[in-house]
Amino acid sequence: MRKEKLYYWREFESLESDIVVLPELCNCGYVFEDRELLRAVAESVPDGDFLREFMDLLKLNKCGIIAGMAEIDSGEISILQLLLLIEEITLVNIEK
């Protein structure tokens, strides 16, 4: 289990919130020397590891999550804002 995942799990277990807001690109950070490094950490949606981990966190705490992540789809990189609720995932593409 990744160190980051353990941190998130501990933090979510103690929350008493209805919704948690995380920053844009919270799956990888902002600093990249070139686009290929961003491509290496971008994930497909909805079947990437990052999104699956957050869906597990939703089930643990039953709160909503707003988070930004790098997505790759058909070779194109996008920055998505996600609204994750226990019943559904809503994706908002904000940049190509």
N, C-alpha and C. Protein backbone atom coordinates (compact mmCIF):
# COMPACT_ATOMS: atom_id res chain seq x y z
N MET A 1 0.85 -1.18 0.00
CA MET A 1 0.00 0.00 0.00
C MET A 1 0.90 1.24 0.00
N ARG A 2 0.62 2.20 -0.85
CA ARG A 2 1.44 3.40 -0.94
C ARG A 2 1.35 4.23 0.33
N LYS A 3 2.43 4.92 0.64
CA LYS A 3 2.50 5.79 1.82
C LYS A 3 1.40 6.85 1.78
N GLU A 4 1.17 7.45 0.59
CA GLU A 4 0.15 8.49 0.46
C GLU A 4 -1.24 7.94 0.79
N LYS A 5 -1.49 6.73 0.34
CA LYS A 5 -2.81 6.13 0.58
C LYS A 5 -3.02 5.92 2.09
N LEU A 6 -1.99 5.45 2.77
CA LEU A 6 -2.11 5.28 4.22
C LEU A 6 -2.42 6.60 4.90
N TYR A 7 -1.78 7.66 4.46
CA TYR A 7 -2.03 8.99 5.04
C TYR A 7 -3.49 9.40 4.82
N TYR A 8 -3.97 9.28 3.59
CA TYR A 8 -5.34 9.66 3.28
C TYR A 8 -6.34 8.85 4.10
N TRP A 9 -6.09 7.55 4.22
CA TRP A 9 -7.02 6.70 4.96
C TRP A 9 -7.11 7.16 6.41
N ARG A 10 -5.96 7.43 7.04
CA ARG A 10 -5.97 7.89 8.43
C ARG A 10 -6.71 9.21 8.57
N GLU A 11 -6.48 10.14 7.65
CA GLU A 11 -7.14 11.43 7.70
C GLU A 11 -8.66 11.30 7.48
N PHE A 12 -9.06 10.48 6.55
CA PHE A 12 -10.49 10.32 6.26
C PHE A 12 -11.23 9.63 7.39
N GLU A 13 -10.59 8.73 8.07
CA GLU A 13 -11.25 8.03 9.18
C GLU A 13 -11.69 9.00 10.27
N SER A 14 -10.95 10.09 10.46
CA SER A 14 -11.26 11.03 11.54
C SER A 14 -12.13 12.21 11.11
N LEU A 15 -12.43 12.34 9.84
CA LEU A 15 -13.23 13.47 9.36
C LEU A 15 -14.69 13.37 9.76
N GLU A 16 -15.25 14.52 10.02
CA GLU A 16 -16.70 14.61 10.25
C GLU A 16 -17.29 15.61 9.27
N SER A 17 -16.93 15.48 8.01
CA SER A 17 -17.35 16.42 6.97
C SER A 17 -18.30 15.75 5.99
N ASP A 18 -19.13 16.57 5.35
CA ASP A 18 -19.98 16.06 4.29
C ASP A 18 -19.25 16.06 2.95
N ILE A 19 -18.28 16.97 2.81
CA ILE A 19 -17.52 17.06 1.56
C ILE A 19 -16.09 17.51 1.87
N VAL A 20 -15.15 16.96 1.12
CA VAL A 20 -13.74 17.29 1.26
C VAL A 20 -13.28 17.85 -0.08
N VAL A 21 -12.60 19.00 -0.06
CA VAL A 21 -12.10 19.63 -1.28
C VAL A 21 -10.58 19.53 -1.30
N LEU A 22 -10.05 18.92 -2.34
CA LEU A 22 -8.61 18.76 -2.52
C LEU A 22 -8.17 19.58 -3.73
N PRO A 23 -6.90 19.91 -3.84
CA PRO A 23 -6.44 20.79 -4.93
C PRO A 23 -6.40 20.10 -6.28
N GLU A 24 -6.27 20.96 -7.29
CA GLU A 24 -6.06 20.49 -8.64
C GLU A 24 -4.74 19.70 -8.69
N LEU A 25 -4.71 18.68 -9.49
CA LEU A 25 -3.54 17.82 -9.66
C LEU A 25 -3.06 17.20 -8.36
N CYS A 26 -4.00 16.87 -7.48
CA CYS A 26 -3.61 16.26 -6.20
C CYS A 26 -3.09 14.84 -6.38
N ASN A 27 -3.24 14.26 -7.54
CA ASN A 27 -2.69 12.92 -7.77
C ASN A 27 -1.23 12.94 -8.18
N CYS A 28 -0.69 14.13 -8.50
CA CYS A 28 0.69 14.13 -9.01
C CYS A 28 1.48 15.40 -8.72
N GLY A 29 0.84 16.47 -8.26
CA GLY A 29 1.57 17.71 -8.03
C GLY A 29 1.66 18.56 -9.29
N TYR A 30 2.33 19.71 -9.17
CA TYR A 30 2.35 20.68 -10.26
C TYR A 30 3.66 20.78 -11.03
N VAL A 31 4.76 20.31 -10.49
CA VAL A 31 6.06 20.58 -11.07
C VAL A 31 6.48 19.45 -12.02
N PHE A 32 6.58 19.81 -13.32
CA PHE A 32 7.00 18.85 -14.33
C PHE A 32 7.99 19.56 -15.25
N GLU A 33 9.10 18.89 -15.54
CA GLU A 33 10.09 19.46 -16.44
C GLU A 33 9.59 19.48 -17.88
N ASP A 34 8.76 18.50 -18.22
CA ASP A 34 8.19 18.47 -19.57
C ASP A 34 6.87 17.70 -19.55
N ARG A 35 6.18 17.75 -20.66
CA ARG A 35 4.86 17.13 -20.78
C ARG A 35 4.91 15.61 -20.64
N GLU A 36 6.02 15.00 -21.02
CA GLU A 36 6.15 13.54 -20.93
C GLU A 36 6.13 13.07 -19.47
N LEU A 37 6.67 13.85 -18.55
CA LEU A 37 6.59 13.49 -17.13
C LEU A 37 5.15 13.53 -16.64
N LEU A 38 4.38 14.52 -17.10
CA LEU A 38 2.96 14.58 -16.75
C LEU A 38 2.22 13.39 -17.36
N ARG A 39 2.55 13.05 -18.59
CA ARG A 39 1.93 11.90 -19.25
C ARG A 39 2.18 10.61 -18.46
N ALA A 40 3.35 10.49 -17.85
CA ALA A 40 3.71 9.27 -17.11
C ALA A 40 2.87 9.09 -15.85
N VAL A 41 2.37 10.17 -15.25
CA VAL A 41 1.57 10.05 -14.03
C VAL A 41 0.07 10.19 -14.27
N ALA A 42 -0.32 10.63 -15.45
CA ALA A 42 -1.75 10.75 -15.77
C ALA A 42 -2.38 9.36 -15.82
N GLU A 43 -3.64 9.28 -15.42
CA GLU A 43 -4.34 7.98 -15.37
C GLU A 43 -5.62 8.03 -16.19
N SER A 44 -6.04 6.85 -16.61
CA SER A 44 -7.33 6.76 -17.30
C SER A 44 -8.46 6.83 -16.26
N VAL A 45 -9.58 7.36 -16.70
CA VAL A 45 -10.76 7.51 -15.85
C VAL A 45 -11.88 6.72 -16.49
N PRO A 46 -12.59 5.90 -15.76
CA PRO A 46 -12.64 5.78 -14.30
C PRO A 46 -11.84 4.62 -13.73
N ASP A 47 -10.93 4.00 -14.50
CA ASP A 47 -10.30 2.77 -14.02
C ASP A 47 -8.87 2.92 -13.52
N GLY A 48 -8.42 4.15 -13.27
CA GLY A 48 -7.07 4.35 -12.74
C GLY A 48 -7.00 4.09 -11.24
N ASP A 49 -5.80 3.83 -10.77
CA ASP A 49 -5.58 3.54 -9.35
C ASP A 49 -6.01 4.69 -8.44
N PHE A 50 -5.69 5.92 -8.82
CA PHE A 50 -6.00 7.09 -8.00
C PHE A 50 -7.51 7.18 -7.74
N LEU A 51 -8.28 7.08 -8.78
CA LEU A 51 -9.74 7.18 -8.64
C LEU A 51 -10.30 6.02 -7.83
N ARG A 52 -9.80 4.83 -8.05
CA ARG A 52 -10.25 3.67 -7.27
C ARG A 52 -9.96 3.85 -5.78
N GLU A 53 -8.77 4.40 -5.46
CA GLU A 53 -8.43 4.64 -4.06
C GLU A 53 -9.40 5.64 -3.42
N PHE A 54 -9.73 6.70 -4.16
CA PHE A 54 -10.66 7.67 -3.60
C PHE A 54 -12.07 7.12 -3.47
N MET A 55 -12.47 6.23 -4.35
CA MET A 55 -13.77 5.60 -4.20
C MET A 55 -13.79 4.74 -2.94
N ASP A 56 -12.67 4.09 -2.62
CA ASP A 56 -12.57 3.34 -1.36
C ASP A 56 -12.70 4.26 -0.16
N LEU A 57 -12.08 5.44 -0.24
CA LEU A 57 -12.18 6.42 0.85
C LEU A 57 -13.61 6.90 1.04
N LEU A 58 -14.33 7.08 -0.07
CA LEU A 58 -15.74 7.49 0.02
C LEU A 58 -16.55 6.47 0.81
N LYS A 59 -16.32 5.21 0.54
CA LYS A 59 -17.06 4.17 1.24
C LYS A 59 -16.71 4.14 2.72
N LEU A 60 -15.46 4.48 3.04
CA LEU A 60 -15.01 4.49 4.42
C LEU A 60 -15.69 5.58 5.23
N ASN A 61 -15.81 6.78 4.65
CA ASN A 61 -16.31 7.92 5.41
C ASN A 61 -17.68 8.40 4.96
N LYS A 62 -18.11 8.01 3.78
CA LYS A 62 -19.40 8.41 3.22
C LYS A 62 -19.53 9.93 3.08
N CYS A 63 -18.42 10.58 2.73
CA CYS A 63 -18.47 12.01 2.42
C CYS A 63 -18.14 12.17 0.94
N GLY A 64 -18.44 13.34 0.39
CA GLY A 64 -18.11 13.62 -1.00
C GLY A 64 -16.69 14.15 -1.10
N ILE A 65 -16.09 14.01 -2.27
CA ILE A 65 -14.74 14.50 -2.50
C ILE A 65 -14.74 15.31 -3.79
N ILE A 66 -14.14 16.50 -3.75
CA ILE A 66 -13.85 17.27 -4.95
C ILE A 66 -12.34 17.24 -5.08
N ALA A 67 -11.84 16.80 -6.22
CA ALA A 67 -10.40 16.67 -6.42
C ALA A 67 -10.06 16.91 -7.88
N GLY A 68 -8.85 17.37 -8.12
CA GLY A 68 -8.36 17.54 -9.48
C GLY A 68 -7.29 16.51 -9.77
N MET A 69 -7.26 16.03 -11.00
CA MET A 69 -6.27 15.01 -11.36
C MET A 69 -5.89 15.13 -12.82
N ALA A 70 -4.74 14.55 -13.15
CA ALA A 70 -4.31 14.47 -14.55
C ALA A 70 -4.88 13.18 -15.14
N GLU A 71 -5.53 13.32 -16.29
CA GLU A 71 -6.14 12.17 -16.95
C GLU A 71 -5.49 11.99 -18.32
N ILE A 72 -5.40 10.76 -18.76
CA ILE A 72 -4.98 10.48 -20.13
C ILE A 72 -6.07 9.66 -20.80
N ASP A 73 -6.45 10.09 -22.00
CA ASP A 73 -7.50 9.42 -22.76
C ASP A 73 -7.12 9.49 -24.23
N SER A 74 -6.95 8.35 -24.84
CA SER A 74 -6.56 8.26 -26.26
C SER A 74 -5.29 9.08 -26.53
N GLY A 75 -4.36 9.06 -25.59
CA GLY A 75 -3.10 9.78 -25.76
C GLY A 75 -3.14 11.25 -25.41
N GLU A 76 -4.33 11.80 -25.15
CA GLU A 76 -4.48 13.22 -24.81
C GLU A 76 -4.50 13.39 -23.30
N ILE A 77 -3.77 14.39 -22.80
CA ILE A 77 -3.73 14.68 -21.37
C ILE A 77 -4.73 15.79 -21.06
N SER A 78 -5.52 15.58 -20.03
CA SER A 78 -6.49 16.58 -19.56
C SER A 78 -6.31 16.76 -18.07
N ILE A 79 -6.70 17.92 -17.59
CA ILE A 79 -6.79 18.14 -16.15
C ILE A 79 -8.27 18.15 -15.81
N LEU A 80 -8.67 17.23 -14.94
CA LEU A 80 -10.07 17.07 -14.59
C LEU A 80 -10.33 17.54 -13.17
N GLN A 81 -11.49 18.11 -12.96
CA GLN A 81 -12.01 18.32 -11.62
C GLN A 81 -13.07 17.26 -11.42
N LEU A 82 -12.97 16.53 -10.34
CA LEU A 82 -13.88 15.43 -10.08
C LEU A 82 -14.77 15.74 -8.90
N LEU A 83 -16.03 15.42 -9.01
CA LEU A 83 -16.95 15.42 -7.88
C LEU A 83 -17.29 13.97 -7.64
N LEU A 84 -16.80 13.44 -6.54
CA LEU A 84 -17.01 12.03 -6.22
C LEU A 84 -18.02 11.91 -5.10
N LEU A 85 -19.09 11.24 -5.39
CA LEU A 85 -20.11 10.97 -4.39
C LEU A 85 -20.24 9.46 -4.28
N ILE A 86 -20.78 8.98 -3.21
CA ILE A 86 -20.85 7.54 -2.98
C ILE A 86 -21.62 6.83 -4.11
N GLU A 87 -22.58 7.52 -4.71
CA GLU A 87 -23.39 6.90 -5.76
C GLU A 87 -22.87 7.14 -7.17
N GLU A 88 -22.03 8.19 -7.36
CA GLU A 88 -21.66 8.55 -8.73
C GLU A 88 -20.35 9.32 -8.78
N ILE A 89 -19.80 9.41 -9.99
CA ILE A 89 -18.61 10.21 -10.26
C ILE A 89 -19.02 11.21 -11.35
N THR A 90 -18.78 12.49 -11.10
CA THR A 90 -19.01 13.50 -12.12
C THR A 90 -17.66 14.09 -12.50
N LEU A 91 -17.34 14.08 -13.81
CA LEU A 91 -16.07 14.57 -14.30
C LEU A 91 -16.29 15.88 -15.01
N VAL A 92 -15.42 16.86 -14.74
CA VAL A 92 -15.48 18.14 -15.43
C VAL A 92 -14.10 18.37 -16.03
N ASN A 93 -14.02 18.37 -17.36
CA ASN A 93 -12.75 18.60 -18.04
C ASN A 93 -12.49 20.09 -18.09
N ILE A 94 -11.40 20.56 -17.47
CA ILE A 94 -11.16 22.00 -17.45
C ILE A 94 -10.00 22.43 -18.35
N GLU A 95 -9.22 21.48 -18.87
CA GLU A 95 -8.09 21.86 -19.71
C GLU A 95 -7.67 20.68 -20.57
N LYS A 96 -7.29 20.97 -21.80
CA LYS A 96 -6.75 19.93 -22.70
C LYS A 96 -5.32 20.29 -23.01
